[in-house]
Every structure is written in C-alpha cells, then in structure tokens.
Amino acid sequence: MSVRLYALDGCPYCEAVSDALDDAGVAYETEWVDALHSDRDEVKRVSGQRAVPVLIDEDRGVTMSESANIVEYVERSLA
C-alpha cells in the first residue's frame, strides 16, 4: 500500500488524520510541509491547493483534503 500524508507539525487536523491512520493500522509516509502557505509548492502540485492535511492513496488513485473527509475515507476504505 502506498499512502502519503502531507502534514504540518502541530496541526490538530493533521494529527487527527495521523491518529486515524494509526488506529486503522495503515502504513503511510508523512511529508512534512513548511508553515508558510507560499512555500507549499509540493502540496499544490499534488492536490491543487496549499492547505493540509492532504492524503494520497496511490493504490486507489485517491487524493483528498479536509481532515473530516480523510478520516471518514480511512475508516471506510483503509481500515
């Protein structure tokens, strides 16, 4: 499984997604992003926007943002 999470250290929304992934036993890689939105070019390239968290599930071809949506996806599709 190839799951990547773009996250900002100390972001409560990112932590909620990380906790959901951990609780579901999903192996994932975290890409830590810069605090400045203007420096988040990689996030913009992969998701079309600069906000985090962003989850990429390469196996299913899914890229999504918004922590509540990601947590729901993890619980329904990856757990």
PDB file of N, CA and C in Angstrom:
ATOM      1  N   MET A   1       0.850  -1.171   0.000  1.00  0.00           N
ATOM      2  CA  MET A   1       0.000   0.000   0.000  1.00  0.00           C
ATOM      3  C   MET A   1       0.896   1.233   0.000  1.00  0.00           C
ATOM      4  N   SER A   2       0.536   2.188  -0.774  1.00  0.00           N
ATOM      5  CA  SER A   2       1.328   3.400  -0.871  1.00  0.00           C
ATOM      6  C   SER A   2       0.460   4.602  -0.495  1.00  0.00           C
ATOM      7  N   VAL A   3       0.531   4.988   0.784  1.00  0.00           N
ATOM      8  CA  VAL A   3      -0.253   6.100   1.292  1.00  0.00           C
ATOM      9  C   VAL A   3       0.712   7.169   1.791  1.00  0.00           C
ATOM     10  N   ARG A   4       0.443   8.407   1.394  1.00  0.00           N
ATOM     11  CA  ARG A   4       1.280   9.531   1.795  1.00  0.00           C
ATOM     12  C   ARG A   4       0.392  10.608   2.401  1.00  0.00           C
ATOM     13  N   LEU A   5       0.852  11.181   3.509  1.00  0.00           N
ATOM     14  CA  LEU A   5       0.138  12.241   4.192  1.00  0.00           C
ATOM     15  C   LEU A   5       1.006  13.487   4.212  1.00  0.00           C
ATOM     16  N   TYR A   6       0.496  14.571   3.636  1.00  0.00           N
ATOM     17  CA  TYR A   6       1.153  15.864   3.729  1.00  0.00           C
ATOM     18  C   TYR A   6       0.604  16.545   4.966  1.00  0.00           C
ATOM     19  N   ALA A   7       1.502  16.936   5.871  1.00  0.00           N
ATOM     20  CA  ALA A   7       1.073  17.448   7.166  1.00  0.00           C
ATOM     21  C   ALA A   7       2.011  18.538   7.661  1.00  0.00           C
ATOM     22  N   LEU A   8       1.489  19.326   8.578  1.00  0.00           N
ATOM     23  CA  LEU A   8       2.235  20.393   9.233  1.00  0.00           C
ATOM     24  C   LEU A   8       2.393  20.017  10.702  1.00  0.00           C
ATOM     25  N   ASP A   9       3.596  20.073  11.206  1.00  0.00           N
ATOM     26  CA  ASP A   9       3.862  19.734  12.604  1.00  0.00           C
ATOM     27  C   ASP A   9       3.034  20.631  13.518  1.00  0.00           C
ATOM     28  N   GLY A  10       2.316  20.034  14.448  1.00  0.00           N
ATOM     29  CA  GLY A  10       1.500  20.772  15.398  1.00  0.00           C
ATOM     30  C   GLY A  10       0.100  21.098  14.917  1.00  0.00           C
ATOM     31  N   CYS A  11      -0.246  20.697  13.709  1.00  0.00           N
ATOM     32  CA  CYS A  11      -1.575  20.964  13.157  1.00  0.00           C
ATOM     33  C   CYS A  11      -2.562  19.937  13.727  1.00  0.00           C
ATOM     34  N   PRO A  12      -3.604  20.385  14.446  1.00  0.00           N
ATOM     35  CA  PRO A  12      -4.541  19.428  15.051  1.00  0.00           C
ATOM     36  C   PRO A  12      -5.314  18.619  14.011  1.00  0.00           C
ATOM     37  N   TYR A  13      -5.584  19.190  12.848  1.00  0.00           N
ATOM     38  CA  TYR A  13      -6.298  18.465  11.802  1.00  0.00           C
ATOM     39  C   TYR A  13      -5.422  17.373  11.211  1.00  0.00           C
ATOM     40  N   CYS A  14      -4.142  17.680  11.059  1.00  0.00           N
ATOM     41  CA  CYS A  14      -3.185  16.691  10.566  1.00  0.00           C
ATOM     42  C   CYS A  14      -3.018  15.561  11.583  1.00  0.00           C
ATOM     43  N   GLU A  15      -2.990  15.928  12.857  1.00  0.00           N
ATOM     44  CA  GLU A  15      -2.865  14.925  13.910  1.00  0.00           C
ATOM     45  C   GLU A  15      -4.076  14.006  13.943  1.00  0.00           C
ATOM     46  N   ALA A  16      -5.275  14.537  13.697  1.00  0.00           N
ATOM     47  CA  ALA A  16      -6.481  13.709  13.668  1.00  0.00           C
ATOM     48  C   ALA A  16      -6.393  12.676  12.552  1.00  0.00           C
ATOM     49  N   VAL A  17      -5.896  13.095  11.402  1.00  0.00           N
ATOM     50  CA  VAL A  17      -5.736  12.159  10.281  1.00  0.00           C
ATOM     51  C   VAL A  17      -4.670  11.125  10.606  1.00  0.00           C
ATOM     52  N   SER A  18      -3.560  11.564  11.151  1.00  0.00           N
ATOM     53  CA  SER A  18      -2.488  10.643  11.526  1.00  0.00           C
ATOM     54  C   SER A  18      -2.982   9.617  12.549  1.00  0.00           C
ATOM     55  N   ASP A  19      -3.750  10.073  13.529  1.00  0.00           N
ATOM     56  CA  ASP A  19      -4.319   9.161  14.536  1.00  0.00           C
ATOM     57  C   ASP A  19      -5.245   8.139  13.880  1.00  0.00           C
ATOM     58  N   ALA A  20      -6.074   8.583  12.932  1.00  0.00           N
ATOM     59  CA  ALA A  20      -6.988   7.667  12.245  1.00  0.00           C
ATOM     60  C   ALA A  20      -6.208   6.618  11.454  1.00  0.00           C
ATOM     61  N   LEU A  21      -5.151   7.049  10.786  1.00  0.00           N
ATOM     62  CA  LEU A  21      -4.313   6.103  10.033  1.00  0.00           C
ATOM     63  C   LEU A  21      -3.656   5.100  10.982  1.00  0.00           C
ATOM     64  N   ASP A  22      -3.126   5.597  12.098  1.00  0.00           N
ATOM     65  CA  ASP A  22      -2.502   4.714  13.091  1.00  0.00           C
ATOM     66  C   ASP A  22      -3.513   3.733  13.668  1.00  0.00           C
ATOM     67  N   ASP A  23      -4.702   4.227  14.030  1.00  0.00           N
ATOM     68  CA  ASP A  23      -5.742   3.369  14.603  1.00  0.00           C
ATOM     69  C   ASP A  23      -6.178   2.284  13.627  1.00  0.00           C
ATOM     70  N   ALA A  24      -6.159   2.603  12.325  1.00  0.00           N
ATOM     71  CA  ALA A  24      -6.568   1.637  11.303  1.00  0.00           C
ATOM     72  C   ALA A  24      -5.428   0.701  10.917  1.00  0.00           C
ATOM     73  N   GLY A  25      -4.242   0.958  11.444  1.00  0.00           N
ATOM     74  CA  GLY A  25      -3.098   0.100  11.132  1.00  0.00           C
ATOM     75  C   GLY A  25      -2.568   0.299   9.717  1.00  0.00           C
ATOM     76  N   VAL A  26      -2.757   1.485   9.181  1.00  0.00           N
ATOM     77  CA  VAL A  26      -2.326   1.784   7.815  1.00  0.00           C
ATOM     78  C   VAL A  26      -0.876   2.248   7.833  1.00  0.00           C
ATOM     79  N   ALA A  27      -0.067   1.623   6.996  1.00  0.00           N
ATOM     80  CA  ALA A  27       1.306   2.081   6.819  1.00  0.00           C
ATOM     81  C   ALA A  27       1.281   3.288   5.890  1.00  0.00           C
ATOM     82  N   TYR A  28       1.937   4.367   6.303  1.00  0.00           N
ATOM     83  CA  TYR A  28       1.934   5.579   5.494  1.00  0.00           C
ATOM     84  C   TYR A  28       3.227   6.350   5.711  1.00  0.00           C
ATOM     85  N   GLU A  29       3.495   7.229   4.782  1.00  0.00           N
ATOM     86  CA  GLU A  29       4.669   8.092   4.855  1.00  0.00           C
ATOM     87  C   GLU A  29       4.182   9.521   5.060  1.00  0.00           C
ATOM     88  N   THR A  30       4.802  10.238   5.978  1.00  0.00           N
ATOM     89  CA  THR A  30       4.434  11.628   6.216  1.00  0.00           C
ATOM     90  C   THR A  30       5.423  12.543   5.510  1.00  0.00           C
ATOM     91  N   GLU A  31       4.878  13.478   4.745  1.00  0.00           N
ATOM     92  CA  GLU A  31       5.668  14.535   4.112  1.00  0.00           C
ATOM     93  C   GLU A  31       5.383  15.802   4.909  1.00  0.00           C
ATOM     94  N   TRP A  32       6.367  16.260   5.665  1.00  0.00           N
ATOM     95  CA  TRP A  32       6.187  17.455   6.485  1.00  0.00           C
ATOM     96  C   TRP A  32       6.322  18.687   5.612  1.00  0.00           C
ATOM     97  N   VAL A  33       5.402  19.628   5.769  1.00  0.00           N
ATOM     98  CA  VAL A  33       5.379  20.828   4.933  1.00  0.00           C
ATOM     99  C   VAL A  33       5.792  22.052   5.738  1.00  0.00           C
ATOM    100  N   ASP A  34       6.133  23.099   5.022  1.00  0.00           N
ATOM    101  CA  ASP A  34       6.520  24.372   5.614  1.00  0.00           C
ATOM    102  C   ASP A  34       5.293  25.080   6.186  1.00  0.00           C
ATOM    103  N   ALA A  35       5.490  25.850   7.221  1.00  0.00           N
ATOM    104  CA  ALA A  35       4.383  26.582   7.840  1.00  0.00           C
ATOM    105  C   ALA A  35       3.820  27.659   6.915  1.00  0.00           C
ATOM    106  N   LEU A  36       4.632  28.224   6.056  1.00  0.00           N
ATOM    107  CA  LEU A  36       4.167  29.261   5.138  1.00  0.00           C
ATOM    108  C   LEU A  36       3.453  28.649   3.944  1.00  0.00           C
ATOM    109  N   HIS A  37       2.221  29.054   3.729  1.00  0.00           N
ATOM    110  CA  HIS A  37       1.451  28.547   2.595  1.00  0.00           C
ATOM    111  C   HIS A  37       2.197  28.769   1.284  1.00  0.00           C
ATOM    112  N   SER A  38       2.855  29.895   1.156  1.00  0.00           N
ATOM    113  CA  SER A  38       3.546  30.227  -0.096  1.00  0.00           C
ATOM    114  C   SER A  38       4.710  29.291  -0.388  1.00  0.00           C
ATOM    115  N   ASP A  39       5.174  28.542   0.604  1.00  0.00           N
ATOM    116  CA  ASP A  39       6.280  27.603   0.406  1.00  0.00           C
ATOM    117  C   ASP A  39       5.811  26.159   0.223  1.00  0.00           C
ATOM    118  N   ARG A  40       4.526  25.956   0.039  1.00  0.00           N
ATOM    119  CA  ARG A  40       3.987  24.597  -0.086  1.00  0.00           C
ATOM    120  C   ARG A  40       3.745  24.215  -1.546  1.00  0.00           C
ATOM    121  N   ASP A  41       4.747  24.401  -2.367  1.00  0.00           N
ATOM    122  CA  ASP A  41       4.617  24.113  -3.794  1.00  0.00           C
ATOM    123  C   ASP A  41       4.339  22.640  -4.069  1.00  0.00           C
ATOM    124  N   GLU A  42       4.943  21.747  -3.295  1.00  0.00           N
ATOM    125  CA  GLU A  42       4.725  20.312  -3.496  1.00  0.00           C
ATOM    126  C   GLU A  42       3.268  19.944  -3.216  1.00  0.00           C
ATOM    127  N   VAL A  43       2.690  20.499  -2.164  1.00  0.00           N
ATOM    128  CA  VAL A  43       1.287  20.233  -1.848  1.00  0.00           C
ATOM    129  C   VAL A  43       0.400  20.741  -2.979  1.00  0.00           C
ATOM    130  N   LYS A  44       0.686  21.933  -3.473  1.00  0.00           N
ATOM    131  CA  LYS A  44      -0.102  22.493  -4.580  1.00  0.00           C
ATOM    132  C   LYS A  44       0.032  21.624  -5.821  1.00  0.00           C
ATOM    133  N   ARG A  45       1.218  21.115  -6.076  1.00  0.00           N
ATOM    134  CA  ARG A  45       1.436  20.284  -7.261  1.00  0.00           C
ATOM    135  C   ARG A  45       0.602  19.003  -7.205  1.00  0.00           C
ATOM    136  N   VAL A  46       0.530  18.381  -6.040  1.00  0.00           N
ATOM    137  CA  VAL A  46      -0.168  17.098  -5.948  1.00  0.00           C
ATOM    138  C   VAL A  46      -1.666  17.225  -5.705  1.00  0.00           C
ATOM    139  N   SER A  47      -2.099  18.373  -5.131  1.00  0.00           N
ATOM    140  CA  SER A  47      -3.512  18.466  -4.755  1.00  0.00           C
ATOM    141  C   SER A  47      -4.248  19.665  -5.340  1.00  0.00           C
ATOM    142  N   GLY A  48      -3.528  20.590  -5.932  1.00  0.00           N
ATOM    143  CA  GLY A  48      -4.171  21.765  -6.491  1.00  0.00           C
ATOM    144  C   GLY A  48      -4.442  22.877  -5.494  1.00  0.00           C
ATOM    145  N   GLN A  49      -4.027  22.674  -4.240  1.00  0.00           N
ATOM    146  CA  GLN A  49      -4.196  23.700  -3.204  1.00  0.00           C
ATOM    147  C   GLN A  49      -3.061  23.560  -2.201  1.00  0.00           C
ATOM    148  N   ARG A  50      -2.926  24.520  -1.327  1.00  0.00           N
ATOM    149  CA  ARG A  50      -1.774  24.543  -0.411  1.00  0.00           C
ATOM    150  C   ARG A  50      -2.122  24.168   1.041  1.00  0.00           C
ATOM    151  N   ALA A  51      -3.386  23.922   1.340  1.00  0.00           N
ATOM    152  CA  ALA A  51      -3.786  23.592   2.712  1.00  0.00           C
ATOM    153  C   ALA A  51      -3.456  22.131   3.023  1.00  0.00           C
ATOM    154  N   VAL A  52      -3.243  21.844   4.287  1.00  0.00           N
ATOM    155  CA  VAL A  52      -3.023  20.477   4.754  1.00  0.00           C
ATOM    156  C   VAL A  52      -4.045  20.192   5.845  1.00  0.00           C
ATOM    157  N   PRO A  53      -4.355  18.940   6.091  1.00  0.00           N
ATOM    158  CA  PRO A  53      -3.717  17.744   5.563  1.00  0.00           C
ATOM    159  C   PRO A  53      -4.198  17.397   4.155  1.00  0.00           C
ATOM    160  N   VAL A  54      -3.335  16.669   3.457  1.00  0.00           N
ATOM    161  CA  VAL A  54      -3.665  16.077   2.161  1.00  0.00           C
ATOM    162  C   VAL A  54      -3.236  14.619   2.226  1.00  0.00           C
ATOM    163  N   LEU A  55      -4.124  13.738   1.837  1.00  0.00           N
ATOM    164  CA  LEU A  55      -3.834  12.303   1.802  1.00  0.00           C
ATOM    165  C   LEU A  55      -3.794  11.845   0.353  1.00  0.00           C
ATOM    166  N   ILE A  56      -2.774  11.070   0.023  1.00  0.00           N
ATOM    167  CA  ILE A  56      -2.675  10.477  -1.300  1.00  0.00           C
ATOM    168  C   ILE A  56      -2.603   8.967  -1.113  1.00  0.00           C
ATOM    169  N   ASP A  57      -3.563   8.272  -1.705  1.00  0.00           N
ATOM    170  CA  ASP A  57      -3.595   6.810  -1.714  1.00  0.00           C
ATOM    171  C   ASP A  57      -3.308   6.392  -3.155  1.00  0.00           C
ATOM    172  N   GLU A  58      -2.052   6.123  -3.447  1.00  0.00           N
ATOM    173  CA  GLU A  58      -1.635   5.827  -4.814  1.00  0.00           C
ATOM    174  C   GLU A  58      -2.260   4.544  -5.343  1.00  0.00           C
ATOM    175  N   ASP A  59      -2.476   3.560  -4.486  1.00  0.00           N
ATOM    176  CA  ASP A  59      -3.053   2.292  -4.924  1.00  0.00           C
ATOM    177  C   ASP A  59      -4.468   2.460  -5.460  1.00  0.00           C
ATOM    178  N   ARG A  60      -5.219   3.385  -4.873  1.00  0.00           N
ATOM    179  CA  ARG A  60      -6.610   3.603  -5.292  1.00  0.00           C
ATOM    180  C   ARG A  60      -6.785   4.849  -6.158  1.00  0.00           C
ATOM    181  N   GLY A  61      -5.697   5.579  -6.397  1.00  0.00           N
ATOM    182  CA  GLY A  61      -5.786   6.784  -7.212  1.00  0.00           C
ATOM    183  C   GLY A  61      -6.560   7.899  -6.545  1.00  0.00           C
ATOM    184  N   VAL A  62      -6.452   7.999  -5.219  1.00  0.00           N
ATOM    185  CA  VAL A  62      -7.215   8.979  -4.459  1.00  0.00           C
ATOM    186  C   VAL A  62      -6.278  10.053  -3.912  1.00  0.00           C
ATOM    187  N   THR A  63      -6.661  11.302  -4.122  1.00  0.00           N
ATOM    188  CA  THR A  63      -6.008  12.452  -3.492  1.00  0.00           C
ATOM    189  C   THR A  63      -7.111  13.269  -2.860  1.00  0.00           C
ATOM    190  N   MET A  64      -6.986  13.529  -1.561  1.00  0.00           N
ATOM    191  CA  MET A  64      -8.056  14.262  -0.889  1.00  0.00           C
ATOM    192  C   MET A  64      -7.520  15.160   0.213  1.00  0.00           C
ATOM    193  N   SER A  65      -8.322  16.181   0.521  1.00  0.00           N
ATOM    194  CA  SER A  65      -8.002  17.091   1.612  1.00  0.00           C
ATOM    195  C   SER A  65      -9.211  17.165   2.539  1.00  0.00           C
ATOM    196  N   GLU A  66      -9.155  18.057   3.506  1.00  0.00           N
ATOM    197  CA  GLU A  66     -10.187  18.206   4.534  1.00  0.00           C
ATOM    198  C   GLU A  66     -10.132  17.011   5.500  1.00  0.00           C
ATOM    199  N   SER A  67      -9.703  17.275   6.698  1.00  0.00           N
ATOM    200  CA  SER A  67      -9.447  16.215   7.668  1.00  0.00           C
ATOM    201  C   SER A  67     -10.651  15.319   7.931  1.00  0.00           C
ATOM    202  N   ALA A  68     -11.844  15.878   8.045  1.00  0.00           N
ATOM    203  CA  ALA A  68     -13.032  15.051   8.315  1.00  0.00           C
ATOM    204  C   ALA A  68     -13.279  14.077   7.168  1.00  0.00           C
ATOM    205  N   ASN A  69     -13.100  14.526   5.944  1.00  0.00           N
ATOM    206  CA  ASN A  69     -13.273  13.647   4.781  1.00  0.00           C
ATOM    207  C   ASN A  69     -12.211  12.560   4.753  1.00  0.00           C
ATOM    208  N   ILE A  70     -10.993  12.927   5.101  1.00  0.00           N
ATOM    209  CA  ILE A  70      -9.906  11.947   5.094  1.00  0.00           C
ATOM    210  C   ILE A  70     -10.139  10.891   6.165  1.00  0.00           C
ATOM    211  N   VAL A  71     -10.515  11.324   7.365  1.00  0.00           N
ATOM    212  CA  VAL A  71     -10.765  10.371   8.453  1.00  0.00           C
ATOM    213  C   VAL A  71     -11.884   9.405   8.053  1.00  0.00           C
ATOM    214  N   GLU A  72     -12.938   9.919   7.462  1.00  0.00           N
ATOM    215  CA  GLU A  72     -14.036   9.055   7.009  1.00  0.00           C
ATOM    216  C   GLU A  72     -13.545   8.068   5.954  1.00  0.00           C
ATOM    217  N   TYR A  73     -12.737   8.523   5.010  1.00  0.00           N
ATOM    218  CA  TYR A  73     -12.182   7.653   3.976  1.00  0.00           C
ATOM    219  C   TYR A  73     -11.321   6.555   4.602  1.00  0.00           C
ATOM    220  N   VAL A  74     -10.483   6.925   5.552  1.00  0.00           N
ATOM    221  CA  VAL A  74      -9.615   5.939   6.213  1.00  0.00           C
ATOM    222  C   VAL A  74     -10.472   4.884   6.899  1.00  0.00           C
ATOM    223  N   GLU A  75     -11.478   5.315   7.630  1.00  0.00           N
ATOM    224  CA  GLU A  75     -12.324   4.376   8.372  1.00  0.00           C
ATOM    225  C   GLU A  75     -13.128   3.480   7.452  1.00  0.00           C
ATOM    226  N   ARG A  76     -13.586   3.986   6.329  1.00  0.00           N
ATOM    227  CA  ARG A  76     -14.416   3.193   5.420  1.00  0.00           C
ATOM    228  C   ARG A  76     -13.626   2.364   4.423  1.00  0.00           C
ATOM    229  N   SER A  77     -12.490   2.887   3.973  1.00  0.00           N
ATOM    230  CA  SER A  77     -11.789   2.245   2.857  1.00  0.00           C
ATOM    231  C   SER A  77     -10.472   1.590   3.224  1.00  0.00           C
ATOM    232  N   LEU A  78      -9.820   2.053   4.262  1.00  0.00           N
ATOM    233  CA  LEU A  78      -8.484   1.547   4.565  1.00  0.00           C
ATOM    234  C   LEU A  78      -8.393   0.713   5.842  1.00  0.00           C
ATOM    235  N   ALA A  79      -9.401   0.831   6.707  1.00  0.00           N
ATOM    236  CA  ALA A  79      -9.348   0.100   7.997  1.00  0.00           C
ATOM    237  C   ALA A  79      -9.591  -1.381   7.802  1.00  0.00           C
TER     238      ALA A  79
END
